[in-house]
PDB file of N, CA and C in Angstrom:
ATOM      1  N   UNK A   1     200.173  63.610 132.592  1.00  0.00           N
ATOM      2  CA  UNK A   1     200.596  62.908 131.428  1.00  0.00           C
ATOM      3  C   UNK A   1     201.674  62.901 130.539  1.00  0.00           C
ATOM      4  N   UNK A   2     201.706  61.716 130.298  1.00  0.00           N
ATOM      5  CA  UNK A   2     203.081  61.786 130.069  1.00  0.00           C
ATOM      6  C   UNK A   2     202.996  61.283 128.229  1.00  0.00           C
ATOM      7  N   UNK A   3     201.385  61.917 127.232  1.00  0.00           N
ATOM      8  CA  UNK A   3     200.962  62.041 125.643  1.00  0.00           C
ATOM      9  C   UNK A   3     200.960  60.569 125.193  1.00  0.00           C
ATOM     10  N   UNK A   4     200.445  59.605 126.596  1.00  0.00           N
ATOM     11  CA  UNK A   4     199.692  58.287 125.590  1.00  0.00           C
ATOM     12  C   UNK A   4     198.484  58.981 126.381  1.00  0.00           C
ATOM     13  N   UNK A   5     197.333  58.520 125.281  1.00  0.00           N
ATOM     14  CA  UNK A   5     196.131  58.083 125.348  1.00  0.00           C
ATOM     15  C   UNK A   5     195.602  56.970 125.880  1.00  0.00           C
ATOM     16  N   UNK A   6     194.874  56.580 126.815  1.00  0.00           N
ATOM     17  CA  UNK A   6     193.914  55.257 127.046  1.00  0.00           C
ATOM     18  C   UNK A   6     192.601  55.151 126.417  1.00  0.00           C
ATOM     19  N   UNK A   7     192.407  54.327 125.770  1.00  0.00           N
ATOM     20  CA  UNK A   7     191.451  53.963 124.952  1.00  0.00           C
ATOM     21  C   UNK A   7     190.816  52.293 125.681  1.00  0.00           C
ATOM     22  N   UNK A   8     188.992  52.606 125.564  1.00  0.00           N
ATOM     23  CA  UNK A   8     188.560  51.543 126.516  1.00  0.00           C
ATOM     24  C   UNK A   8     187.594  50.842 125.450  1.00  0.00           C
ATOM     25  N   UNK A   9     188.517  49.137 124.806  1.00  0.00           N
ATOM     26  CA  UNK A   9     187.777  49.106 124.077  1.00  0.00           C
ATOM     27  C   UNK A   9     186.929  47.442 124.558  1.00  0.00           C
ATOM     28  N   UNK A  10     186.154  48.037 123.808  1.00  0.00           N
ATOM     29  CA  UNK A  10     184.769  46.868 124.450  1.00  0.00           C
ATOM     30  C   UNK A  10     184.655  45.623 123.237  1.00  0.00           C
ATOM     31  N   UNK A  11     184.422  44.832 123.781  1.00  0.00           N
ATOM     32  CA  UNK A  11     184.604  43.768 122.798  1.00  0.00           C
ATOM     33  C   UNK A  11     183.447  43.050 122.208  1.00  0.00           C
ATOM     34  N   UNK A  12     183.009  43.236 120.563  1.00  0.00           N
ATOM     35  CA  UNK A  12     181.454  42.880 120.594  1.00  0.00           C
ATOM     36  C   UNK A  12     180.988  41.741 120.450  1.00  0.00           C
ATOM     37  N   UNK A  13     182.296  40.668 120.551  1.00  0.00           N
ATOM     38  CA  UNK A  13     181.395  39.172 120.683  1.00  0.00           C
ATOM     39  C   UNK A  13     182.594  38.847 122.193  1.00  0.00           C
ATOM     40  N   UNK A  14     182.343  37.506 121.970  1.00  0.00           N
ATOM     41  CA  UNK A  14     182.916  36.510 123.320  1.00  0.00           C
ATOM     42  C   UNK A  14     182.638  34.831 122.428  1.00  0.00           C
ATOM     43  N   UNK A  15     184.469  34.465 122.533  1.00  0.00           N
ATOM     44  CA  UNK A  15     183.990  33.221 122.155  1.00  0.00           C
ATOM     45  C   UNK A  15     184.348  32.233 122.878  1.00  0.00           C
ATOM     46  N   UNK A  16     183.152  31.719 122.937  1.00  0.00           N
ATOM     47  CA  UNK A  16     183.645  30.162 124.359  1.00  0.00           C
ATOM     48  C   UNK A  16     183.476  28.585 123.084  1.00  0.00           C
ATOM     49  N   UNK A  17     184.448  28.275 123.979  1.00  0.00           N
ATOM     50  CA  UNK A  17     184.270  26.344 123.214  1.00  0.00           C
ATOM     51  C   UNK A  17     183.435  25.542 123.672  1.00  0.00           C
ATOM     52  N   UNK A  18     182.602  25.434 122.649  1.00  0.00           N
ATOM     53  CA  UNK A  18     181.465  24.511 123.118  1.00  0.00           C
ATOM     54  C   UNK A  18     181.433  23.206 122.342  1.00  0.00           C
ATOM     55  N   UNK A  19     181.361  21.930 123.941  1.00  0.00           N
ATOM     56  CA  UNK A  19     181.431  20.220 123.550  1.00  0.00           C
ATOM     57  C   UNK A  19     181.189  20.170 122.261  1.00  0.00           C
ATOM     58  N   UNK A  20     181.644  19.490 121.292  1.00  0.00           N
ATOM     59  CA  UNK A  20     180.618  19.036 120.052  1.00  0.00           C
ATOM     60  C   UNK A  20     179.458  17.558 120.128  1.00  0.00           C
ATOM     61  N   UNK A  21     181.142  16.980 121.190  1.00  0.00           N
ATOM     62  CA  UNK A  21     180.767  15.730 121.859  1.00  0.00           C
ATOM     63  C   UNK A  21     180.981  15.392 123.187  1.00  0.00           C
ATOM     64  N   UNK A  22     179.988  13.736 123.031  1.00  0.00           N
ATOM     65  CA  UNK A  22     180.257  13.658 125.349  1.00  0.00           C
ATOM     66  C   UNK A  22     181.833  13.638 124.748  1.00  0.00           C
ATOM     67  N   UNK A  23     182.810  13.927 123.907  1.00  0.00           N
ATOM     68  CA  UNK A  23     184.412  13.086 124.778  1.00  0.00           C
ATOM     69  C   UNK A  23     184.800  14.120 125.065  1.00  0.00           C
ATOM     70  N   UNK A  24     183.737  15.437 124.444  1.00  0.00           N
ATOM     71  CA  UNK A  24     184.791  16.321 124.761  1.00  0.00           C
ATOM     72  C   UNK A  24     186.163  16.771 124.204  1.00  0.00           C
ATOM     73  N   UNK A  25     186.038  16.068 123.076  1.00  0.00           N
ATOM     74  CA  UNK A  25     187.751  15.938 122.631  1.00  0.00           C
ATOM     75  C   UNK A  25     187.784  16.747 121.065  1.00  0.00           C
ATOM     76  N   UNK A  26     186.796  17.462 120.547  1.00  0.00           N
ATOM     77  CA  UNK A  26     186.397  18.259 119.863  1.00  0.00           C
ATOM     78  C   UNK A  26     185.624  19.596 120.813  1.00  0.00           C
ATOM     79  N   UNK A  27     185.551  20.520 119.519  1.00  0.00           N
ATOM     80  CA  UNK A  27     185.407  21.601 120.578  1.00  0.00           C
ATOM     81  C   UNK A  27     184.734  23.083 119.007  1.00  0.00           C
ATOM     82  N   UNK A  28     184.077  23.429 119.113  1.00  0.00           N
ATOM     83  CA  UNK A  28     184.315  24.110 118.109  1.00  0.00           C
ATOM     84  C   UNK A  28     184.069  25.905 119.142  1.00  0.00           C
ATOM     85  N   UNK A  29     183.800  26.817 118.616  1.00  0.00           N
ATOM     86  CA  UNK A  29     184.240  28.601 118.770  1.00  0.00           C
ATOM     87  C   UNK A  29     182.319  29.163 118.370  1.00  0.00           C
ATOM     88  N   UNK A  30     181.736  29.450 119.202  1.00  0.00           N
ATOM     89  CA  UNK A  30     180.433  30.213 119.191  1.00  0.00           C
ATOM     90  C   UNK A  30     180.850  31.397 119.682  1.00  0.00           C
ATOM     91  N   UNK A  31     180.410  32.529 118.817  1.00  0.00           N
ATOM     92  CA  UNK A  31     180.596  33.381 118.866  1.00  0.00           C
ATOM     93  C   UNK A  31     179.375  33.907 119.514  1.00  0.00           C
ATOM     94  N   UNK A  32     179.586  34.910 120.378  1.00  0.00           N
ATOM     95  CA  UNK A  32     178.290  35.376 121.035  1.00  0.00           C
ATOM     96  C   UNK A  32     178.276  36.913 121.306  1.00  0.00           C
ATOM     97  N   UNK A  33     177.059  37.373 120.570  1.00  0.00           N
ATOM     98  CA  UNK A  33     177.210  39.550 121.511  1.00  0.00           C
ATOM     99  C   UNK A  33     177.292  39.442 122.922  1.00  0.00           C
ATOM    100  N   UNK A  34     177.595  40.562 123.326  1.00  0.00           N
ATOM    101  CA  UNK A  34     177.764  40.193 124.544  1.00  0.00           C
ATOM    102  C   UNK A  34     177.793  41.382 125.041  1.00  0.00           C
ATOM    103  N   UNK A  35     176.335  41.201 126.351  1.00  0.00           N
ATOM    104  CA  UNK A  35     175.377  39.743 126.375  1.00  0.00           C
ATOM    105  C   UNK A  35     174.089  40.485 126.135  1.00  0.00           C
ATOM    106  N   UNK A  36     174.147  40.880 125.156  1.00  0.00           N
ATOM    107  CA  UNK A  36     172.898  42.119 124.097  1.00  0.00           C
ATOM    108  C   UNK A  36     171.439  40.790 124.178  1.00  0.00           C
ATOM    109  N   UNK A  37     172.170  38.808 123.689  1.00  0.00           N
ATOM    110  CA  UNK A  37     171.458  38.180 123.533  1.00  0.00           C
ATOM    111  C   UNK A  37     170.884  37.111 124.799  1.00  0.00           C
ATOM    112  N   UNK A  38     171.016  37.465 125.916  1.00  0.00           N
ATOM    113  CA  UNK A  38     171.644  36.771 126.870  1.00  0.00           C
ATOM    114  C   UNK A  38     170.142  37.699 127.927  1.00  0.00           C
ATOM    115  N   UNK A  39     170.555  39.179 127.718  1.00  0.00           N
ATOM    116  CA  UNK A  39     169.301  39.988 128.621  1.00  0.00           C
ATOM    117  C   UNK A  39     167.947  39.376 129.021  1.00  0.00           C
ATOM    118  N   UNK A  40     167.708  39.629 127.831  1.00  0.00           N
ATOM    119  CA  UNK A  40     165.794  38.932 127.753  1.00  0.00           C
ATOM    120  C   UNK A  40     165.958  37.757 128.953  1.00  0.00           C
ATOM    121  N   UNK A  41     166.910  37.447 129.207  1.00  0.00           N
ATOM    122  CA  UNK A  41     166.947  35.453 130.585  1.00  0.00           C
ATOM    123  C   UNK A  41     166.730  36.744 131.661  1.00  0.00           C
ATOM    124  N   UNK A  42     166.578  37.760 132.078  1.00  0.00           N
ATOM    125  CA  UNK A  42     166.919  38.832 133.657  1.00  0.00           C
ATOM    126  C   UNK A  42     165.041  38.395 133.279  1.00  0.00           C
ATOM    127  N   UNK A  43     163.975  38.166 132.591  1.00  0.00           N
ATOM    128  CA  UNK A  43     162.734  38.305 132.835  1.00  0.00           C
ATOM    129  C   UNK A  43     161.995  37.149 133.186  1.00  0.00           C
ATOM    130  N   UNK A  44     161.099  37.375 133.792  1.00  0.00           N
ATOM    131  CA  UNK A  44     160.391  35.560 133.251  1.00  0.00           C
ATOM    132  C   UNK A  44     159.985  35.427 131.542  1.00  0.00           C
ATOM    133  N   UNK A  45     159.836  33.965 131.183  1.00  0.00           N
ATOM    134  CA  UNK A  45     160.151  33.524 129.842  1.00  0.00           C
ATOM    135  C   UNK A  45     158.517  34.314 129.667  1.00  0.00           C
ATOM    136  N   UNK A  46     157.212  34.293 130.438  1.00  0.00           N
ATOM    137  CA  UNK A  46     155.905  34.583 130.071  1.00  0.00           C
ATOM    138  C   UNK A  46     156.370  36.517 129.841  1.00  0.00           C
ATOM    139  N   UNK A  47     156.989  37.211 130.258  1.00  0.00           N
ATOM    140  CA  UNK A  47     157.506  38.195 129.351  1.00  0.00           C
ATOM    141  C   UNK A  47     158.108  38.476 128.104  1.00  0.00           C
ATOM    142  N   UNK A  48     158.651  37.755 127.599  1.00  0.00           N
ATOM    143  CA  UNK A  48     159.532  37.029 126.247  1.00  0.00           C
ATOM    144  C   UNK A  48     158.412  37.303 125.381  1.00  0.00           C
ATOM    145  N   UNK A  49     158.642  38.550 123.866  1.00  0.00           N
ATOM    146  CA  UNK A  49     157.735  38.882 123.278  1.00  0.00           C
ATOM    147  C   UNK A  49     157.869  38.227 121.854  1.00  0.00           C
ATOM    148  N   UNK A  50     158.187  38.004 121.768  1.00  0.00           N
ATOM    149  CA  UNK A  50     159.062  36.955 120.673  1.00  0.00           C
ATOM    150  C   UNK A  50     158.864  34.914 120.109  1.00  0.00           C
ATOM    151  N   UNK A  51     159.174  34.950 119.210  1.00  0.00           N
ATOM    152  CA  UNK A  51     158.917  33.198 118.974  1.00  0.00           C
ATOM    153  C   UNK A  51     159.712  31.893 119.502  1.00  0.00           C
ATOM    154  N   UNK A  52     158.444  31.130 119.901  1.00  0.00           N
ATOM    155  CA  UNK A  52     159.599  30.516 120.784  1.00  0.00           C
ATOM    156  C   UNK A  52     160.926  29.919 120.345  1.00  0.00           C
ATOM    157  N   UNK A  53     160.716  30.039 119.193  1.00  0.00           N
ATOM    158  CA  UNK A  53     162.463  29.649 118.153  1.00  0.00           C
ATOM    159  C   UNK A  53     163.312  30.776 119.137  1.00  0.00           C
ATOM    160  N   UNK A  54     163.107  31.621 119.424  1.00  0.00           N
ATOM    161  CA  UNK A  54     164.307  32.446 119.336  1.00  0.00           C
ATOM    162  C   UNK A  54     164.082  33.214 120.794  1.00  0.00           C
ATOM    163  N   UNK A  55     162.908  32.155 121.420  1.00  0.00           N
ATOM    164  CA  UNK A  55     163.649  31.656 122.902  1.00  0.00           C
ATOM    165  C   UNK A  55     164.134  30.778 123.339  1.00  0.00           C
ATOM    166  N   UNK A  56     163.969  30.025 122.233  1.00  0.00           N
ATOM    167  CA  UNK A  56     165.139  28.572 122.027  1.00  0.00           C
ATOM    168  C   UNK A  56     166.425  28.988 122.151  1.00  0.00           C
ATOM    169  N   UNK A  57     166.791  30.046 120.982  1.00  0.00           N
ATOM    170  CA  UNK A  57     168.313  30.463 120.832  1.00  0.00           C
ATOM    171  C   UNK A  57     168.816  31.594 122.009  1.00  0.00           C
ATOM    172  N   UNK A  58     168.285  32.349 122.892  1.00  0.00           N
ATOM    173  CA  UNK A  58     168.358  32.700 123.774  1.00  0.00           C
ATOM    174  C   UNK A  58     168.509  31.934 125.232  1.00  0.00           C
ATOM    175  N   UNK A  59     168.191  31.118 125.100  1.00  0.00           N
ATOM    176  CA  UNK A  59     168.381  29.674 126.556  1.00  0.00           C
ATOM    177  C   UNK A  59     169.526  29.201 126.118  1.00  0.00           C
ATOM    178  N   UNK A  60     169.593  29.122 124.795  1.00  0.00           N
ATOM    179  CA  UNK A  60     171.052  28.619 124.447  1.00  0.00           C
ATOM    180  C   UNK A  60     172.388  29.046 124.660  1.00  0.00           C
ATOM    181  N   UNK A  61     172.562  30.637 124.288  1.00  0.00           N
ATOM    182  CA  UNK A  61     173.392  31.334 124.102  1.00  0.00           C
ATOM    183  C   UNK A  61     172.981  31.779 125.981  1.00  0.00           C
ATOM    184  N   UNK A  62     172.254  31.435 126.466  1.00  0.00           N
ATOM    185  CA  UNK A  62     172.607  31.591 128.179  1.00  0.00           C
ATOM    186  C   UNK A  62     173.571  30.160 128.796  1.00  0.00           C
ATOM    187  N   UNK A  63     173.147  29.282 128.489  1.00  0.00           N
ATOM    188  CA  UNK A  63     173.683  27.752 129.137  1.00  0.00           C
ATOM    189  C   UNK A  63     174.996  28.031 128.020  1.00  0.00           C
ATOM    190  N   UNK A  64     175.253  28.394 127.525  1.00  0.00           N
ATOM    191  CA  UNK A  64     176.525  28.199 126.715  1.00  0.00           C
ATOM    192  C   UNK A  64     177.601  29.616 127.533  1.00  0.00           C
ATOM    193  N   UNK A  65     177.336  30.554 128.188  1.00  0.00           N
ATOM    194  CA  UNK A  65     177.628  31.364 128.226  1.00  0.00           C
ATOM    195  C   UNK A  65     179.124  30.975 129.679  1.00  0.00           C
ATOM    196  N   UNK A  66     179.789  32.141 129.779  1.00  0.00           N
ATOM    197  CA  UNK A  66     180.638  30.811 131.094  1.00  0.00           C
ATOM    198  C   UNK A  66     180.303  31.288 132.430  1.00  0.00           C
ATOM    199  N   UNK A  67     179.578  31.467 132.647  1.00  0.00           N
ATOM    200  CA  UNK A  67     179.519  32.559 133.725  1.00  0.00           C
ATOM    201  C   UNK A  67     178.581  31.811 134.384  1.00  0.00           C
ATOM    202  N   UNK A  68     177.865  31.591 135.699  1.00  0.00           N
ATOM    203  CA  UNK A  68     176.954  30.599 135.998  1.00  0.00           C
ATOM    204  C   UNK A  68     175.497  31.481 135.758  1.00  0.00           C
ATOM    205  N   UNK A  69     176.251  33.391 136.324  1.00  0.00           N
ATOM    206  CA  UNK A  69     174.156  33.912 135.894  1.00  0.00           C
ATOM    207  C   UNK A  69     174.008  33.262 135.133  1.00  0.00           C
ATOM    208  N   UNK A  70     174.221  33.555 133.745  1.00  0.00           N
ATOM    209  CA  UNK A  70     173.350  33.300 132.292  1.00  0.00           C
ATOM    210  C   UNK A  70     172.876  31.858 132.167  1.00  0.00           C
ATOM    211  N   UNK A  71     173.414  31.317 132.732  1.00  0.00           N
ATOM    212  CA  UNK A  71     173.087  29.710 132.882  1.00  0.00           C
ATOM    213  C   UNK A  71     171.953  28.999 133.236  1.00  0.00           C
ATOM    214  N   UNK A  72     172.567  29.542 135.024  1.00  0.00           N
ATOM    215  CA  UNK A  72     170.900  29.656 136.101  1.00  0.00           C
ATOM    216  C   UNK A  72     169.870  30.248 135.139  1.00  0.00           C
ATOM    217  N   UNK A  73     169.477  31.380 134.990  1.00  0.00           N
ATOM    218  CA  UNK A  73     169.170  32.651 133.804  1.00  0.00           C
ATOM    219  C   UNK A  73     168.254  31.120 132.661  1.00  0.00           C
ATOM    220  N   UNK A  74     168.696  30.702 132.362  1.00  0.00           N
ATOM    221  CA  UNK A  74     168.712  29.998 131.226  1.00  0.00           C
ATOM    222  C   UNK A  74     167.936  28.923 131.709  1.00  0.00           C
ATOM    223  N   UNK A  75     168.605  27.991 132.855  1.00  0.00           N
ATOM    224  CA  UNK A  75     167.415  27.225 133.556  1.00  0.00           C
ATOM    225  C   UNK A  75     166.461  27.629 133.770  1.00  0.00           C
ATOM    226  N   UNK A  76     166.274  28.733 134.540  1.00  0.00           N
ATOM    227  CA  UNK A  76     165.247  28.768 135.504  1.00  0.00           C
ATOM    228  C   UNK A  76     164.338  29.419 133.892  1.00  0.00           C
ATOM    229  N   UNK A  77     164.499  29.771 132.234  1.00  0.00           N
ATOM    230  CA  UNK A  77     162.757  29.412 131.680  1.00  0.00           C
ATOM    231  C   UNK A  77     162.775  27.987 131.265  1.00  0.00           C
ATOM    232  N   UNK A  78     164.029  27.514 131.152  1.00  0.00           N
ATOM    233  CA  UNK A  78     163.654  25.678 131.262  1.00  0.00           C
ATOM    234  C   UNK A  78     162.714  25.224 132.351  1.00  0.00           C
ATOM    235  N   UNK A  79     162.884  25.395 133.032  1.00  0.00           N
ATOM    236  CA  UNK A  79     162.195  25.314 134.564  1.00  0.00           C
ATOM    237  C   UNK A  79     160.783  26.349 134.199  1.00  0.00           C
ATOM    238  N   UNK A  80     160.430  27.047 133.379  1.00  0.00           N
ATOM    239  CA  UNK A  80     159.204  28.071 132.929  1.00  0.00           C
ATOM    240  C   UNK A  80     158.243  27.057 132.606  1.00  0.00           C
ATOM    241  N   UNK A  81     158.754  26.142 131.897  1.00  0.00           N
ATOM    242  CA  UNK A  81     158.171  25.184 130.673  1.00  0.00           C
ATOM    243  C   UNK A  81     158.816  25.513 128.998  1.00  0.00           C
ATOM    244  N   UNK A  82     159.999  26.260 128.286  1.00  0.00           N
ATOM    245  CA  UNK A  82     160.802  26.005 126.969  1.00  0.00           C
ATOM    246  C   UNK A  82     160.739  24.674 127.160  1.00  0.00           C
ATOM    247  N   UNK A  83     160.459  24.604 125.956  1.00  0.00           N
ATOM    248  CA  UNK A  83     160.860  22.998 125.766  1.00  0.00           C
ATOM    249  C   UNK A  83     162.294  22.653 125.111  1.00  0.00           C
ATOM    250  N   UNK A  84     162.558  21.896 125.491  1.00  0.00           N
ATOM    251  CA  UNK A  84     163.565  21.161 125.234  1.00  0.00           C
ATOM    252  C   UNK A  84     163.842  19.856 124.608  1.00  0.00           C
ATOM    253  N   UNK A  85     165.007  20.625 123.520  1.00  0.00           N
ATOM    254  CA  UNK A  85     165.980  19.560 122.659  1.00  0.00           C
ATOM    255  C   UNK A  85     167.035  19.036 122.547  1.00  0.00           C
ATOM    256  N   UNK A  86     167.585  18.280 121.282  1.00  0.00           N
ATOM    257  CA  UNK A  86     168.692  17.576 122.373  1.00  0.00           C
ATOM    258  C   UNK A  86     169.608  18.363 121.621  1.00  0.00           C
ATOM    259  N   UNK A  87     170.019  19.706 121.326  1.00  0.00           N
ATOM    260  CA  UNK A  87     171.056  20.675 122.455  1.00  0.00           C
ATOM    261  C   UNK A  87     170.755  21.337 123.435  1.00  0.00           C
ATOM    262  N   UNK A  88     170.287  21.383 123.819  1.00  0.00           N
ATOM    263  CA  UNK A  88     169.494  22.002 124.710  1.00  0.00           C
ATOM    264  C   UNK A  88     169.906  20.742 126.432  1.00  0.00           C
ATOM    265  N   UNK A  89     170.218  19.324 125.784  1.00  0.00           N
ATOM    266  CA  UNK A  89     169.985  18.510 126.759  1.00  0.00           C
ATOM    267  C   UNK A  89     171.469  18.079 126.564  1.00  0.00           C
ATOM    268  N   UNK A  90     172.247  18.019 125.759  1.00  0.00           N
ATOM    269  CA  UNK A  90     174.133  18.303 125.971  1.00  0.00           C
ATOM    270  C   UNK A  90     173.573  19.257 126.539  1.00  0.00           C
ATOM    271  N   UNK A  91     173.749  20.754 126.439  1.00  0.00           N
ATOM    272  CA  UNK A  91     174.012  21.635 127.148  1.00  0.00           C
ATOM    273  C   UNK A  91     173.694  21.612 128.567  1.00  0.00           C
ATOM    274  N   UNK A  92     172.989  21.326 128.652  1.00  0.00           N
ATOM    275  CA  UNK A  92     172.472  20.709 130.895  1.00  0.00           C
ATOM    276  C   UNK A  92     173.318  19.230 130.983  1.00  0.00           C
ATOM    277  N   UNK A  93     173.939  18.840 130.628  1.00  0.00           N
ATOM    278  CA  UNK A  93     174.567  17.404 130.978  1.00  0.00           C
ATOM    279  C   UNK A  93     175.741  18.228 130.738  1.00  0.00           C
ATOM    280  N   UNK A  94     176.902  19.356 130.419  1.00  0.00           N
ATOM    281  CA  UNK A  94     178.165  19.316 130.337  1.00  0.00           C
ATOM    282  C   UNK A  94     177.889  20.825 131.566  1.00  0.00           C
ATOM    283  N   UNK A  95     177.007  21.194 131.581  1.00  0.00           N
ATOM    284  CA  UNK A  95     176.451  22.375 132.637  1.00  0.00           C
ATOM    285  C   UNK A  95     176.305  20.960 134.280  1.00  0.00           C
ATOM    286  N   UNK A  96     176.072  20.210 134.338  1.00  0.00           N
ATOM    287  CA  UNK A  96     175.818  19.150 135.759  1.00  0.00           C
ATOM    288  C   UNK A  96     177.128  18.685 135.856  1.00  0.00           C
ATOM    289  N   UNK A  97     177.949  18.312 135.001  1.00  0.00           N
ATOM    290  CA  UNK A  97     179.450  18.175 135.263  1.00  0.00           C
ATOM    291  C   UNK A  97     179.870  19.011 135.688  1.00  0.00           C
ATOM    292  N   UNK A  98     179.990  19.831 135.552  1.00  0.00           N
ATOM    293  CA  UNK A  98     180.737  21.680 135.567  1.00  0.00           C
ATOM    294  C   UNK A  98     181.262  21.855 136.668  1.00  0.00           C
ATOM    295  N   UNK A  99     181.941  21.610 137.444  1.00  0.00           N
ATOM    296  CA  UNK A  99     182.427  21.674 139.388  1.00  0.00           C
ATOM    297  C   UNK A  99     182.606  23.586 138.824  1.00  0.00           C
ATOM    298  N   UNK A 100     182.924  23.834 137.797  1.00  0.00           N
ATOM    299  CA  UNK A 100     183.688  24.820 138.390  1.00  0.00           C
ATOM    300  C   UNK A 100     182.057  26.123 138.296  1.00  0.00           C
ATOM    301  N   UNK A 101     180.544  25.463 138.403  1.00  0.00           N
ATOM    302  CA  UNK A 101     179.739  26.051 138.897  1.00  0.00           C
ATOM    303  C   UNK A 101     179.367  25.535 140.075  1.00  0.00           C
ATOM    304  N   UNK A 102     178.008  26.202 140.521  1.00  0.00           N
ATOM    305  CA  UNK A 102     177.308  25.795 141.735  1.00  0.00           C
ATOM    306  C   UNK A 102     176.855  24.451 141.933  1.00  0.00           C
ATOM    307  N   UNK A 103     176.788  23.955 143.255  1.00  0.00           N
ATOM    308  CA  UNK A 103     175.885  22.595 143.227  1.00  0.00           C
ATOM    309  C   UNK A 103     174.563  22.376 142.822  1.00  0.00           C
ATOM    310  N   UNK A 104     173.934  23.892 143.266  1.00  0.00           N
ATOM    311  CA  UNK A 104     172.709  23.966 142.661  1.00  0.00           C
ATOM    312  C   UNK A 104     172.301  24.866 141.375  1.00  0.00           C
ATOM    313  N   UNK A 105     173.123  24.782 140.868  1.00  0.00           N
ATOM    314  CA  UNK A 105     173.213  25.018 138.993  1.00  0.00           C
ATOM    315  C   UNK A 105     173.195  23.510 138.695  1.00  0.00           C
ATOM    316  N   UNK A 106     174.190  22.975 139.133  1.00  0.00           N
ATOM    317  CA  UNK A 106     174.213  21.526 138.600  1.00  0.00           C
ATOM    318  C   UNK A 106     173.232  20.707 138.491  1.00  0.00           C
ATOM    319  N   UNK A 107     172.676  20.704 140.024  1.00  0.00           N
ATOM    320  CA  UNK A 107     171.463  19.453 140.491  1.00  0.00           C
ATOM    321  C   UNK A 107     170.466  20.192 139.457  1.00  0.00           C
ATOM    322  N   UNK A 108     170.092  21.290 139.245  1.00  0.00           N
ATOM    323  CA  UNK A 108     168.881  21.949 138.426  1.00  0.00           C
ATOM    324  C   UNK A 108     168.589  21.783 136.710  1.00  0.00           C
ATOM    325  N   UNK A 109     170.113  22.011 136.489  1.00  0.00           N
ATOM    326  CA  UNK A 109     170.185  21.321 135.105  1.00  0.00           C
ATOM    327  C   UNK A 109     170.349  19.998 134.666  1.00  0.00           C
ATOM    328  N   UNK A 110     170.980  18.690 136.269  1.00  0.00           N
ATOM    329  CA  UNK A 110     170.829  17.668 136.010  1.00  0.00           C
ATOM    330  C   UNK A 110     169.475  17.403 136.497  1.00  0.00           C
ATOM    331  N   UNK A 111     168.319  17.715 136.670  1.00  0.00           N
ATOM    332  CA  UNK A 111     167.545  17.605 136.965  1.00  0.00           C
ATOM    333  C   UNK A 111     166.512  17.454 135.627  1.00  0.00           C
ATOM    334  N   UNK A 112     166.735  18.487 134.553  1.00  0.00           N
ATOM    335  CA  UNK A 112     165.987  18.795 133.683  1.00  0.00           C
ATOM    336  C   UNK A 112     166.388  17.453 132.890  1.00  0.00           C
ATOM    337  N   UNK A 113     167.961  17.168 132.597  1.00  0.00           N
ATOM    338  CA  UNK A 113     168.703  16.880 131.594  1.00  0.00           C
ATOM    339  C   UNK A 113     167.704  15.483 131.955  1.00  0.00           C
ATOM    340  N   UNK A 114     167.724  15.251 133.042  1.00  0.00           N
ATOM    341  CA  UNK A 114     166.946  13.869 133.568  1.00  0.00           C
ATOM    342  C   UNK A 114     165.104  13.194 132.857  1.00  0.00           C
ATOM    343  N   UNK A 115     164.986  14.524 133.396  1.00  0.00           N
ATOM    344  CA  UNK A 115     163.046  14.209 132.783  1.00  0.00           C
ATOM    345  C   UNK A 115     163.420  14.372 131.623  1.00  0.00           C
ATOM    346  N   UNK A 116     164.726  14.503 130.492  1.00  0.00           N
ATOM    347  CA  UNK A 116     164.351  15.166 128.890  1.00  0.00           C
ATOM    348  C   UNK A 116     165.093  13.800 128.362  1.00  0.00           C
ATOM    349  N   UNK A 117     165.227  12.947 128.836  1.00  0.00           N
ATOM    350  CA  UNK A 117     166.077  11.818 128.196  1.00  0.00           C
ATOM    351  C   UNK A 117     165.479  10.604 128.994  1.00  0.00           C
ATOM    352  N   UNK A 118     164.443  11.122 129.393  1.00  0.00           N
ATOM    353  CA  UNK A 118     163.277   9.684 129.679  1.00  0.00           C
ATOM    354  C   UNK A 118     162.738   8.717 128.518  1.00  0.00           C
TER     355      UNK A 118
END
């Protein structure tokens, strides 16, 4: 070794740019703990033991996550019956339009979006 030490740094947060309006011209930064906040999504909604408000926050964090894995699990919870509000509808629309996500995920998000905007 040359006398230099190597440190592994773990980032406690992930910064995501989340659209504030439909034109996507303005964004805000959402900071989330990584990935603790979304880990409950790996289990069925029925096994979640906290309040509905907390479940909503977990789903919103999953829908805002930059990878399809957490977004897909969040959509699973919505398909299992978690109520959809206006903020979630906007996130679903953004996922449905994001060609970086798998087609299956985009279609599932679009389906919930359409049901929620009737």
